[in-house]
């Protein structure tokens, strides 16, 4: 007979993800994570024998599944660029709860010049986002160089708005940025 789990996997990953978004990888202790999960530390170690690193990897995998299912198909699909960007902005609103949550990719990133178990996966995710956004910009008429700059600007605006909105507790900053995002990618090449 299978042992009944006290907390279902999806619920557990969401709870752990939220804690990492709140305090980051370095700030999250196993005590904090077990409390957030609603499990004892021993139960948490039973589910994740390699501790915090394994938990972070699983949380990142969950986020990556969301991006693979909901975001990358939009950027790489056949819709017109304007529709892609509207859907992308909508997905970013969903994943960041309208700016109320921090970016997990940022919060799990290792300190500069250091590595952790998630560093390579985070870098690859950012590269894939840049590539997808640059491709949408090219579809809208941008040169390759301009498309790269536009894609970078989207991620800079997105990450910056999350930080500033959190820093001064004003989610309207994030919402205004989402409204600007499509225009960064879709701007008329003549205006550059």
N, C-alpha and C. Protein backbone atom coordinates (compact mmCIF):
# COMPACT_ATOMS: atom_id res chain seq x y z
N UNK A 1 0.85 -1.18 0.00
CA UNK A 1 0.00 0.00 0.00
C UNK A 1 0.90 1.25 0.00
N UNK A 2 0.58 2.19 -0.89
CA UNK A 2 1.38 3.42 -0.99
C UNK A 2 1.15 4.31 0.22
N UNK A 3 2.22 4.94 0.65
CA UNK A 3 2.13 5.85 1.79
C UNK A 3 1.45 7.15 1.36
N UNK A 4 0.51 7.61 2.15
CA UNK A 4 -0.22 8.82 1.88
C UNK A 4 0.67 10.03 2.13
N UNK A 5 0.77 10.92 1.17
CA UNK A 5 1.59 12.13 1.32
C UNK A 5 0.78 13.19 2.04
N UNK A 6 1.44 13.85 2.99
CA UNK A 6 0.79 14.90 3.77
C UNK A 6 0.53 16.13 2.91
N UNK A 7 1.45 16.44 1.99
CA UNK A 7 1.31 17.59 1.10
C UNK A 7 1.56 17.10 -0.32
N UNK A 8 0.62 17.37 -1.22
CA UNK A 8 0.77 16.97 -2.62
C UNK A 8 1.95 17.70 -3.26
N UNK A 9 2.56 17.07 -4.25
CA UNK A 9 3.77 17.61 -4.88
C UNK A 9 3.59 19.02 -5.43
N UNK A 10 2.52 19.28 -6.19
CA UNK A 10 2.32 20.61 -6.78
C UNK A 10 2.16 21.68 -5.72
N UNK A 11 1.41 21.37 -4.67
CA UNK A 11 1.21 22.32 -3.57
C UNK A 11 2.54 22.57 -2.87
N UNK A 12 3.29 21.51 -2.64
CA UNK A 12 4.58 21.61 -1.98
C UNK A 12 5.54 22.51 -2.78
N UNK A 13 5.63 22.27 -4.07
CA UNK A 13 6.53 23.06 -4.91
C UNK A 13 6.09 24.52 -4.93
N UNK A 14 4.80 24.79 -4.98
CA UNK A 14 4.31 26.18 -4.96
C UNK A 14 4.69 26.87 -3.65
N UNK A 15 4.54 26.18 -2.55
CA UNK A 15 4.88 26.76 -1.24
C UNK A 15 6.38 27.04 -1.14
N UNK A 16 7.19 26.09 -1.59
CA UNK A 16 8.64 26.27 -1.54
C UNK A 16 9.08 27.38 -2.50
N UNK A 17 8.46 27.43 -3.64
CA UNK A 17 8.76 28.48 -4.62
C UNK A 17 8.49 29.85 -4.03
N UNK A 18 7.36 29.99 -3.37
CA UNK A 18 7.01 31.27 -2.76
C UNK A 18 8.06 31.70 -1.73
N UNK A 19 8.53 30.75 -0.94
CA UNK A 19 9.54 31.09 0.07
C UNK A 19 10.83 31.55 -0.60
N UNK A 20 11.26 30.85 -1.65
CA UNK A 20 12.46 31.28 -2.36
C UNK A 20 12.25 32.67 -2.99
N UNK A 21 11.06 32.93 -3.51
CA UNK A 21 10.77 34.24 -4.09
C UNK A 21 10.81 35.33 -3.02
N UNK A 22 10.45 34.98 -1.81
CA UNK A 22 10.45 35.96 -0.72
C UNK A 22 11.84 36.25 -0.18
N UNK A 23 12.66 35.20 0.02
CA UNK A 23 13.94 35.41 0.72
C UNK A 23 15.17 35.00 -0.08
N UNK A 24 14.99 34.41 -1.24
CA UNK A 24 16.13 33.99 -2.05
C UNK A 24 16.75 32.69 -1.59
N UNK A 25 17.67 32.19 -2.41
CA UNK A 25 18.32 30.91 -2.10
C UNK A 25 19.16 31.02 -0.83
N UNK A 26 19.98 32.06 -0.76
CA UNK A 26 20.87 32.21 0.39
C UNK A 26 20.10 32.45 1.68
N UNK A 27 18.99 33.16 1.59
CA UNK A 27 18.23 33.50 2.79
C UNK A 27 17.33 32.39 3.31
N UNK A 28 17.06 31.39 2.48
CA UNK A 28 16.14 30.31 2.86
C UNK A 28 16.87 29.22 3.62
N UNK A 29 16.53 29.06 4.87
CA UNK A 29 17.09 27.95 5.66
C UNK A 29 16.14 26.75 5.53
N UNK A 30 16.63 25.60 5.89
CA UNK A 30 15.76 24.41 5.86
C UNK A 30 14.60 24.57 6.83
N UNK A 31 14.81 25.26 7.95
CA UNK A 31 13.71 25.51 8.89
C UNK A 31 12.63 26.36 8.23
N UNK A 32 13.05 27.41 7.54
CA UNK A 32 12.09 28.26 6.84
C UNK A 32 11.34 27.47 5.77
N UNK A 33 12.08 26.67 5.01
CA UNK A 33 11.46 25.90 3.94
C UNK A 33 10.48 24.86 4.49
N UNK A 34 10.85 24.20 5.58
CA UNK A 34 9.94 23.19 6.16
C UNK A 34 8.68 23.86 6.70
N UNK A 35 8.84 25.02 7.31
CA UNK A 35 7.68 25.77 7.80
C UNK A 35 6.77 26.18 6.65
N UNK A 36 7.38 26.70 5.58
CA UNK A 36 6.59 27.11 4.41
C UNK A 36 5.88 25.92 3.78
N UNK A 37 6.54 24.78 3.80
CA UNK A 37 5.98 23.57 3.18
C UNK A 37 4.88 22.93 4.03
N UNK A 38 4.88 23.24 5.32
CA UNK A 38 3.93 22.59 6.21
C UNK A 38 4.36 21.18 6.56
N UNK A 39 5.67 20.95 6.52
CA UNK A 39 6.24 19.64 6.83
C UNK A 39 7.35 19.79 7.86
N UNK A 40 7.63 18.71 8.56
CA UNK A 40 8.79 18.74 9.46
C UNK A 40 10.05 18.72 8.59
N UNK A 41 11.16 19.13 9.19
CA UNK A 41 12.42 19.10 8.43
C UNK A 41 12.74 17.68 7.98
N UNK A 42 12.47 16.70 8.85
CA UNK A 42 12.78 15.31 8.46
C UNK A 42 11.91 14.87 7.28
N UNK A 43 10.65 15.29 7.24
CA UNK A 43 9.79 14.95 6.10
C UNK A 43 10.27 15.65 4.84
N UNK A 44 10.74 16.87 4.99
CA UNK A 44 11.24 17.61 3.84
C UNK A 44 12.52 16.94 3.31
N UNK A 45 13.40 16.53 4.21
CA UNK A 45 14.61 15.82 3.79
C UNK A 45 14.27 14.46 3.17
N UNK A 46 13.19 13.84 3.65
CA UNK A 46 12.76 12.56 3.05
C UNK A 46 12.38 12.78 1.59
N UNK A 47 11.67 13.88 1.31
CA UNK A 47 11.24 14.19 -0.06
C UNK A 47 12.41 14.72 -0.90
N UNK A 48 13.33 15.43 -0.26
CA UNK A 48 14.48 16.05 -0.95
C UNK A 48 15.76 15.70 -0.18
N UNK A 49 16.30 14.50 -0.38
CA UNK A 49 17.45 14.04 0.40
C UNK A 49 18.69 14.93 0.28
N UNK A 50 18.81 15.65 -0.82
CA UNK A 50 19.99 16.51 -1.01
C UNK A 50 19.74 17.94 -0.53
N UNK A 51 18.70 18.14 0.23
CA UNK A 51 18.47 19.41 0.91
C UNK A 51 18.06 20.56 0.02
N UNK A 52 18.49 21.74 0.44
CA UNK A 52 18.06 22.99 -0.19
C UNK A 52 18.41 23.04 -1.67
N UNK A 53 19.56 22.53 -2.06
CA UNK A 53 19.95 22.54 -3.47
C UNK A 53 18.96 21.75 -4.32
N UNK A 54 18.56 20.59 -3.84
CA UNK A 54 17.60 19.77 -4.58
C UNK A 54 16.24 20.45 -4.62
N UNK A 55 15.85 21.07 -3.53
CA UNK A 55 14.58 21.79 -3.50
C UNK A 55 14.60 22.90 -4.54
N UNK A 56 15.68 23.67 -4.58
CA UNK A 56 15.80 24.76 -5.55
C UNK A 56 15.73 24.22 -6.97
N UNK A 57 16.39 23.11 -7.24
CA UNK A 57 16.36 22.50 -8.58
C UNK A 57 14.93 22.11 -8.96
N UNK A 58 14.19 21.52 -8.02
CA UNK A 58 12.82 21.11 -8.31
C UNK A 58 11.90 22.30 -8.53
N UNK A 59 12.09 23.34 -7.73
CA UNK A 59 11.30 24.55 -7.89
C UNK A 59 11.59 25.18 -9.26
N UNK A 60 12.86 25.21 -9.63
CA UNK A 60 13.24 25.77 -10.92
C UNK A 60 12.67 24.94 -12.07
N UNK A 61 12.68 23.62 -11.93
CA UNK A 61 12.08 22.75 -12.96
C UNK A 61 10.60 23.07 -13.14
N UNK A 62 9.91 23.30 -12.04
CA UNK A 62 8.48 23.63 -12.08
C UNK A 62 8.28 24.93 -12.87
N UNK A 63 9.11 25.93 -12.60
CA UNK A 63 9.02 27.20 -13.32
C UNK A 63 9.35 26.99 -14.78
N UNK A 64 10.34 26.18 -15.05
CA UNK A 64 10.72 25.91 -16.44
C UNK A 64 9.58 25.23 -17.19
N UNK A 65 8.86 24.33 -16.52
CA UNK A 65 7.71 23.69 -17.17
C UNK A 65 6.66 24.72 -17.56
N UNK A 66 6.43 25.70 -16.67
CA UNK A 66 5.49 26.78 -16.99
C UNK A 66 5.96 27.52 -18.24
N UNK A 67 7.23 27.90 -18.27
CA UNK A 67 7.76 28.62 -19.42
C UNK A 67 7.67 27.77 -20.69
N UNK A 68 8.00 26.48 -20.58
CA UNK A 68 7.93 25.59 -21.74
C UNK A 68 6.51 25.40 -22.24
N UNK A 69 5.55 25.41 -21.33
CA UNK A 69 4.15 25.20 -21.70
C UNK A 69 3.43 26.48 -22.12
N UNK A 70 3.77 27.60 -21.47
CA UNK A 70 2.98 28.81 -21.63
C UNK A 70 3.68 29.97 -22.32
N UNK A 71 4.98 30.05 -22.24
CA UNK A 71 5.68 31.24 -22.74
C UNK A 71 6.43 30.96 -24.04
N UNK A 72 7.29 29.96 -24.06
CA UNK A 72 8.08 29.70 -25.26
C UNK A 72 7.21 29.34 -26.48
N UNK A 73 6.11 28.60 -26.31
CA UNK A 73 5.25 28.37 -27.48
C UNK A 73 4.66 29.67 -28.05
N UNK A 74 4.41 30.64 -27.20
CA UNK A 74 3.91 31.93 -27.68
C UNK A 74 4.99 32.60 -28.53
N UNK A 75 6.19 32.71 -27.98
CA UNK A 75 7.27 33.41 -28.68
C UNK A 75 7.68 32.70 -29.97
N UNK A 76 7.60 31.39 -29.98
CA UNK A 76 8.05 30.62 -31.14
C UNK A 76 6.91 30.20 -32.07
N UNK A 77 5.69 30.60 -31.75
CA UNK A 77 4.54 30.20 -32.54
C UNK A 77 4.36 31.02 -33.81
N UNK A 78 3.22 30.83 -34.44
CA UNK A 78 2.97 31.45 -35.74
C UNK A 78 2.04 32.66 -35.68
N UNK A 79 1.69 33.11 -34.50
CA UNK A 79 0.83 34.29 -34.38
C UNK A 79 1.57 35.54 -34.85
N UNK A 80 0.83 36.58 -35.20
CA UNK A 80 1.48 37.85 -35.54
C UNK A 80 2.24 38.39 -34.33
N UNK A 81 3.33 39.14 -34.56
CA UNK A 81 4.16 39.65 -33.46
C UNK A 81 3.37 40.41 -32.38
N UNK A 82 2.41 41.23 -32.77
CA UNK A 82 1.65 42.01 -31.78
C UNK A 82 0.88 41.08 -30.85
N UNK A 83 0.28 40.02 -31.40
CA UNK A 83 -0.45 39.06 -30.56
C UNK A 83 0.50 38.31 -29.64
N UNK A 84 1.66 37.95 -30.17
CA UNK A 84 2.66 37.26 -29.35
C UNK A 84 3.04 38.11 -28.14
N UNK A 85 3.27 39.39 -28.39
CA UNK A 85 3.71 40.25 -27.29
C UNK A 85 2.59 40.51 -26.29
N UNK A 86 1.36 40.61 -26.75
CA UNK A 86 0.24 40.75 -25.81
C UNK A 86 0.13 39.51 -24.92
N UNK A 87 0.25 38.34 -25.53
CA UNK A 87 0.19 37.10 -24.76
C UNK A 87 1.40 36.95 -23.84
N UNK A 88 2.57 37.37 -24.30
CA UNK A 88 3.76 37.32 -23.46
C UNK A 88 3.58 38.21 -22.23
N UNK A 89 3.10 39.43 -22.43
CA UNK A 89 2.87 40.34 -21.30
C UNK A 89 1.85 39.74 -20.33
N UNK A 90 0.83 39.11 -20.87
CA UNK A 90 -0.19 38.47 -20.03
C UNK A 90 0.41 37.32 -19.22
N UNK A 91 1.29 36.54 -19.85
CA UNK A 91 1.96 35.43 -19.14
C UNK A 91 2.87 35.96 -18.05
N UNK A 92 3.56 37.06 -18.31
CA UNK A 92 4.45 37.65 -17.29
C UNK A 92 3.63 38.18 -16.12
N UNK A 93 2.47 38.72 -16.40
CA UNK A 93 1.58 39.17 -15.33
C UNK A 93 1.16 37.98 -14.46
N UNK A 94 0.86 36.88 -15.12
CA UNK A 94 0.43 35.66 -14.41
C UNK A 94 1.56 35.08 -13.56
N UNK A 95 2.75 34.94 -14.13
CA UNK A 95 3.83 34.29 -13.41
C UNK A 95 4.31 35.14 -12.24
N UNK A 96 4.21 36.48 -12.36
CA UNK A 96 4.67 37.36 -11.29
C UNK A 96 3.52 37.93 -10.47
N UNK A 97 2.34 37.37 -10.62
CA UNK A 97 1.16 37.82 -9.88
C UNK A 97 1.03 39.35 -9.91
N UNK A 98 1.03 39.88 -11.13
CA UNK A 98 0.90 41.32 -11.36
C UNK A 98 1.98 42.14 -10.66
N UNK A 99 3.15 41.54 -10.46
CA UNK A 99 4.27 42.25 -9.84
C UNK A 99 4.41 42.00 -8.35
N UNK A 100 3.52 41.19 -7.78
CA UNK A 100 3.56 40.94 -6.33
C UNK A 100 4.63 39.93 -5.93
N UNK A 101 5.14 39.14 -6.90
CA UNK A 101 6.17 38.16 -6.59
C UNK A 101 7.46 38.48 -7.30
N UNK A 102 8.55 38.15 -6.67
CA UNK A 102 9.87 38.35 -7.25
C UNK A 102 10.13 37.29 -8.32
N UNK A 103 11.15 37.53 -9.12
CA UNK A 103 11.54 36.59 -10.16
C UNK A 103 12.34 35.45 -9.54
N UNK A 104 11.84 34.25 -9.69
CA UNK A 104 12.53 33.08 -9.14
C UNK A 104 13.90 32.89 -9.79
N UNK A 105 14.02 33.22 -11.07
CA UNK A 105 15.31 33.10 -11.74
C UNK A 105 16.35 33.99 -11.05
N UNK A 106 15.92 35.16 -10.64
CA UNK A 106 16.82 36.06 -9.93
C UNK A 106 17.11 35.54 -8.52
N UNK A 107 16.07 35.14 -7.82
CA UNK A 107 16.22 34.76 -6.42
C UNK A 107 17.00 33.45 -6.22
N UNK A 108 17.06 32.62 -7.26
CA UNK A 108 17.84 31.38 -7.16
C UNK A 108 19.21 31.49 -7.83
N UNK A 109 19.50 32.64 -8.42
CA UNK A 109 20.80 32.83 -9.07
C UNK A 109 21.92 32.85 -8.03
N UNK A 110 23.05 32.26 -8.40
CA UNK A 110 24.18 32.28 -7.46
C UNK A 110 24.81 33.67 -7.43
N UNK A 111 25.54 33.98 -6.37
CA UNK A 111 26.29 35.24 -6.35
C UNK A 111 27.25 35.30 -7.54
N UNK A 112 27.62 36.50 -7.93
CA UNK A 112 28.55 36.67 -9.06
C UNK A 112 29.81 35.82 -8.86
N UNK A 113 30.26 35.24 -9.96
CA UNK A 113 31.49 34.44 -9.99
C UNK A 113 31.42 33.18 -9.12
N UNK A 114 30.22 32.79 -8.75
CA UNK A 114 30.03 31.53 -8.02
C UNK A 114 29.03 30.69 -8.80
N UNK A 115 29.00 29.42 -8.49
CA UNK A 115 28.04 28.54 -9.13
C UNK A 115 27.20 27.86 -8.06
N UNK A 116 25.99 27.54 -8.44
CA UNK A 116 25.16 26.66 -7.62
C UNK A 116 24.46 25.71 -8.56
N UNK A 117 23.66 24.85 -8.03
CA UNK A 117 23.04 23.81 -8.85
C UNK A 117 22.08 24.36 -9.90
N UNK A 118 21.62 25.58 -9.73
CA UNK A 118 20.64 26.15 -10.66
C UNK A 118 21.24 27.12 -11.67
N UNK A 119 22.47 27.55 -11.46
CA UNK A 119 23.06 28.61 -12.27
C UNK A 119 22.99 28.39 -13.78
N UNK A 120 23.39 27.21 -14.23
CA UNK A 120 23.39 26.93 -15.67
C UNK A 120 21.97 26.91 -16.24
N UNK A 121 21.04 26.34 -15.50
CA UNK A 121 19.65 26.28 -15.97
C UNK A 121 19.05 27.69 -16.05
N UNK A 122 19.40 28.54 -15.10
CA UNK A 122 18.90 29.92 -15.11
C UNK A 122 19.47 30.67 -16.30
N UNK A 123 20.77 30.54 -16.53
CA UNK A 123 21.40 31.21 -17.67
C UNK A 123 20.78 30.75 -18.98
N UNK A 124 20.54 29.45 -19.12
CA UNK A 124 19.93 28.93 -20.34
C UNK A 124 18.51 29.45 -20.52
N UNK A 125 17.77 29.57 -19.45
CA UNK A 125 16.41 30.10 -19.53
C UNK A 125 16.41 31.54 -19.99
N UNK A 126 17.30 32.36 -19.43
CA UNK A 126 17.41 33.75 -19.87
C UNK A 126 17.83 33.83 -21.34
N UNK A 127 18.78 32.99 -21.75
CA UNK A 127 19.20 32.98 -23.16
C UNK A 127 18.04 32.62 -24.08
N UNK A 128 17.23 31.66 -23.67
CA UNK A 128 16.10 31.25 -24.49
C UNK A 128 15.04 32.34 -24.56
N UNK A 129 14.83 33.04 -23.45
CA UNK A 129 13.90 34.17 -23.47
C UNK A 129 14.41 35.27 -24.41
N UNK A 130 15.70 35.58 -24.33
CA UNK A 130 16.28 36.58 -25.22
C UNK A 130 16.13 36.19 -26.68
N UNK A 131 16.40 34.94 -26.97
CA UNK A 131 16.30 34.45 -28.35
C UNK A 131 14.86 34.53 -28.86
N UNK A 132 13.91 34.10 -28.04
CA UNK A 132 12.51 34.15 -28.45
C UNK A 132 12.03 35.56 -28.67
N UNK A 133 12.38 36.47 -27.76
CA UNK A 133 11.97 37.87 -27.90
C UNK A 133 12.65 38.51 -29.11
N UNK A 134 13.93 38.21 -29.33
CA UNK A 134 14.63 38.75 -30.49
C UNK A 134 14.00 38.27 -31.80
N UNK A 135 13.57 37.03 -31.84
CA UNK A 135 12.92 36.50 -33.03
C UNK A 135 11.61 37.24 -33.31
N UNK A 136 10.87 37.55 -32.26
CA UNK A 136 9.62 38.31 -32.45
C UNK A 136 9.95 39.70 -32.99
N UNK A 137 11.00 40.31 -32.46
CA UNK A 137 11.40 41.63 -32.95
C UNK A 137 11.79 41.56 -34.43
N UNK A 138 12.52 40.52 -34.82
CA UNK A 138 12.90 40.36 -36.23
C UNK A 138 11.66 40.18 -37.10
N UNK A 139 10.68 39.42 -36.59
CA UNK A 139 9.43 39.24 -37.34
C UNK A 139 8.71 40.57 -37.55
N UNK A 140 8.94 41.50 -36.64
CA UNK A 140 8.27 42.80 -36.77
C UNK A 140 9.12 43.81 -37.56
N UNK A 141 10.25 43.34 -38.12
CA UNK A 141 11.03 44.18 -39.01
C UNK A 141 12.36 44.66 -38.47
N UNK A 142 12.75 44.27 -37.29
CA UNK A 142 14.02 44.72 -36.72
C UNK A 142 15.20 43.98 -37.34
N UNK A 143 16.34 44.65 -37.40
CA UNK A 143 17.57 43.97 -37.81
C UNK A 143 17.99 43.04 -36.68
N UNK A 144 18.92 42.15 -36.96
CA UNK A 144 19.39 41.20 -35.94
C UNK A 144 19.97 41.94 -34.73
N UNK A 145 20.79 42.97 -34.97
CA UNK A 145 21.38 43.72 -33.85
C UNK A 145 20.31 44.45 -33.05
N UNK A 146 19.41 45.10 -33.74
CA UNK A 146 18.33 45.83 -33.08
C UNK A 146 17.42 44.88 -32.31
N UNK A 147 17.13 43.73 -32.90
CA UNK A 147 16.28 42.73 -32.24
C UNK A 147 16.89 42.27 -30.92
N UNK A 148 18.21 42.06 -30.91
CA UNK A 148 18.90 41.63 -29.69
C UNK A 148 18.78 42.71 -28.62
N UNK A 149 18.98 43.95 -29.01
CA UNK A 149 18.90 45.06 -28.05
C UNK A 149 17.48 45.19 -27.51
N UNK A 150 16.49 45.05 -28.36
CA UNK A 150 15.09 45.12 -27.91
C UNK A 150 14.77 43.99 -26.93
N UNK A 151 15.24 42.78 -27.23
CA UNK A 151 15.00 41.64 -26.34
C UNK A 151 15.64 41.89 -24.98
N UNK A 152 16.87 42.37 -24.99
CA UNK A 152 17.54 42.69 -23.73
C UNK A 152 16.76 43.75 -22.96
N UNK A 153 16.28 44.76 -23.67
CA UNK A 153 15.54 45.84 -23.01
C UNK A 153 14.26 45.32 -22.36
N UNK A 154 13.59 44.37 -23.00
CA UNK A 154 12.38 43.78 -22.41
C UNK A 154 12.72 43.12 -21.08
N UNK A 155 13.78 42.32 -21.05
CA UNK A 155 14.14 41.63 -19.81
C UNK A 155 14.63 42.61 -18.75
N UNK A 156 15.35 43.65 -19.15
CA UNK A 156 15.80 44.66 -18.20
C UNK A 156 14.60 45.39 -17.61
N UNK A 157 13.66 45.79 -18.45
CA UNK A 157 12.45 46.47 -17.96
C UNK A 157 11.65 45.56 -17.03
N UNK A 158 11.50 44.31 -17.44
CA UNK A 158 10.73 43.35 -16.64
C UNK A 158 11.36 43.17 -15.26
N UNK A 159 12.66 42.88 -15.23
CA UNK A 159 13.33 42.65 -13.95
C UNK A 159 13.39 43.93 -13.12
N UNK A 160 13.67 45.04 -13.77
CA UNK A 160 13.73 46.31 -13.05
C UNK A 160 12.41 46.69 -12.43
N UNK A 161 11.34 46.49 -13.18
CA UNK A 161 10.01 46.83 -12.65
C UNK A 161 9.66 45.96 -11.45
N UNK A 162 10.05 44.70 -11.49
CA UNK A 162 9.80 43.82 -10.34
C UNK A 162 10.53 44.33 -9.10
N UNK A 163 11.78 44.72 -9.27
CA UNK A 163 12.58 45.20 -8.14
C UNK A 163 12.01 46.50 -7.59
N UNK A 164 11.74 47.45 -8.48
CA UNK A 164 11.26 48.75 -8.01
C UNK A 164 9.86 48.64 -7.41
N UNK A 165 8.99 47.87 -8.04
CA UNK A 165 7.63 47.69 -7.51
C UNK A 165 7.68 47.08 -6.11
N UNK A 166 8.56 46.11 -5.92
CA UNK A 166 8.71 45.49 -4.59
C UNK A 166 9.34 46.47 -3.61
N UNK A 167 10.35 47.18 -4.08
CA UNK A 167 11.08 48.09 -3.21
C UNK A 167 10.25 49.22 -2.63
N UNK A 168 9.30 49.72 -3.41
CA UNK A 168 8.47 50.81 -2.90
C UNK A 168 7.01 50.40 -2.74
N UNK A 169 6.75 49.10 -2.82
CA UNK A 169 5.39 48.55 -2.62
C UNK A 169 4.35 49.24 -3.50
N UNK A 170 4.65 49.32 -4.80
CA UNK A 170 3.72 49.94 -5.74
C UNK A 170 3.62 49.06 -6.98
N UNK A 171 2.61 48.19 -7.00
CA UNK A 171 2.44 47.25 -8.11
C UNK A 171 2.07 47.94 -9.41
N UNK A 172 1.62 49.19 -9.34
CA UNK A 172 1.27 49.93 -10.56
C UNK A 172 2.50 50.10 -11.46
N UNK A 173 3.69 50.14 -10.88
CA UNK A 173 4.92 50.24 -11.67
C UNK A 173 5.04 49.04 -12.59
N UNK A 174 4.78 47.87 -12.07
CA UNK A 174 4.87 46.64 -12.87
C UNK A 174 3.79 46.64 -13.95
N UNK A 175 2.59 47.03 -13.60
CA UNK A 175 1.50 47.05 -14.57
C UNK A 175 1.79 48.03 -15.71
N UNK A 176 2.35 49.20 -15.41
CA UNK A 176 2.69 50.16 -16.46
C UNK A 176 3.78 49.59 -17.37
N UNK A 177 4.75 48.89 -16.77
CA UNK A 177 5.81 48.28 -17.57
C UNK A 177 5.24 47.24 -18.51
N UNK A 178 4.30 46.41 -18.03
CA UNK A 178 3.69 45.40 -18.90
C UNK A 178 3.01 46.05 -20.10
N UNK A 179 2.43 47.20 -19.89
CA UNK A 179 1.77 47.93 -20.98
C UNK A 179 2.81 48.40 -22.01
N UNK A 180 4.02 48.75 -21.57
CA UNK A 180 5.08 49.21 -22.48
C UNK A 180 5.80 48.07 -23.19
N UNK A 181 5.83 46.89 -22.61
CA UNK A 181 6.63 45.78 -23.14
C UNK A 181 6.42 45.50 -24.62
N UNK A 182 5.19 45.34 -25.09
CA UNK A 182 5.03 45.03 -26.52
C UNK A 182 5.66 46.08 -27.43
N UNK A 183 5.56 47.36 -27.06
CA UNK A 183 6.10 48.41 -27.92
C UNK A 183 7.61 48.37 -28.02
N UNK A 184 8.28 47.85 -27.01
CA UNK A 184 9.74 47.73 -27.06
C UNK A 184 10.13 46.80 -28.21
N UNK A 185 9.44 45.70 -28.33
CA UNK A 185 9.74 44.72 -29.37
C UNK A 185 9.20 45.17 -30.72
N UNK A 186 8.02 45.77 -30.74
CA UNK A 186 7.31 46.05 -31.99
C UNK A 186 7.58 47.43 -32.58
N UNK A 187 8.43 48.24 -31.94
CA UNK A 187 8.64 49.60 -32.43
C UNK A 187 9.03 49.62 -33.89
N UNK A 188 8.65 50.69 -34.56
CA UNK A 188 8.94 50.88 -35.98
C UNK A 188 10.45 50.99 -36.17
N UNK A 189 11.04 50.15 -37.03
CA UNK A 189 12.49 50.20 -37.24
C UNK A 189 12.98 51.60 -37.68
N UNK A 190 12.14 52.37 -38.30
CA UNK A 190 12.52 53.71 -38.75
C UNK A 190 12.75 54.65 -37.56
N UNK A 191 12.14 54.32 -36.42
CA UNK A 191 12.26 55.22 -35.25
C UNK A 191 13.55 54.97 -34.46
N UNK A 192 14.32 53.97 -34.86
CA UNK A 192 15.55 53.64 -34.12
C UNK A 192 16.71 54.51 -34.57
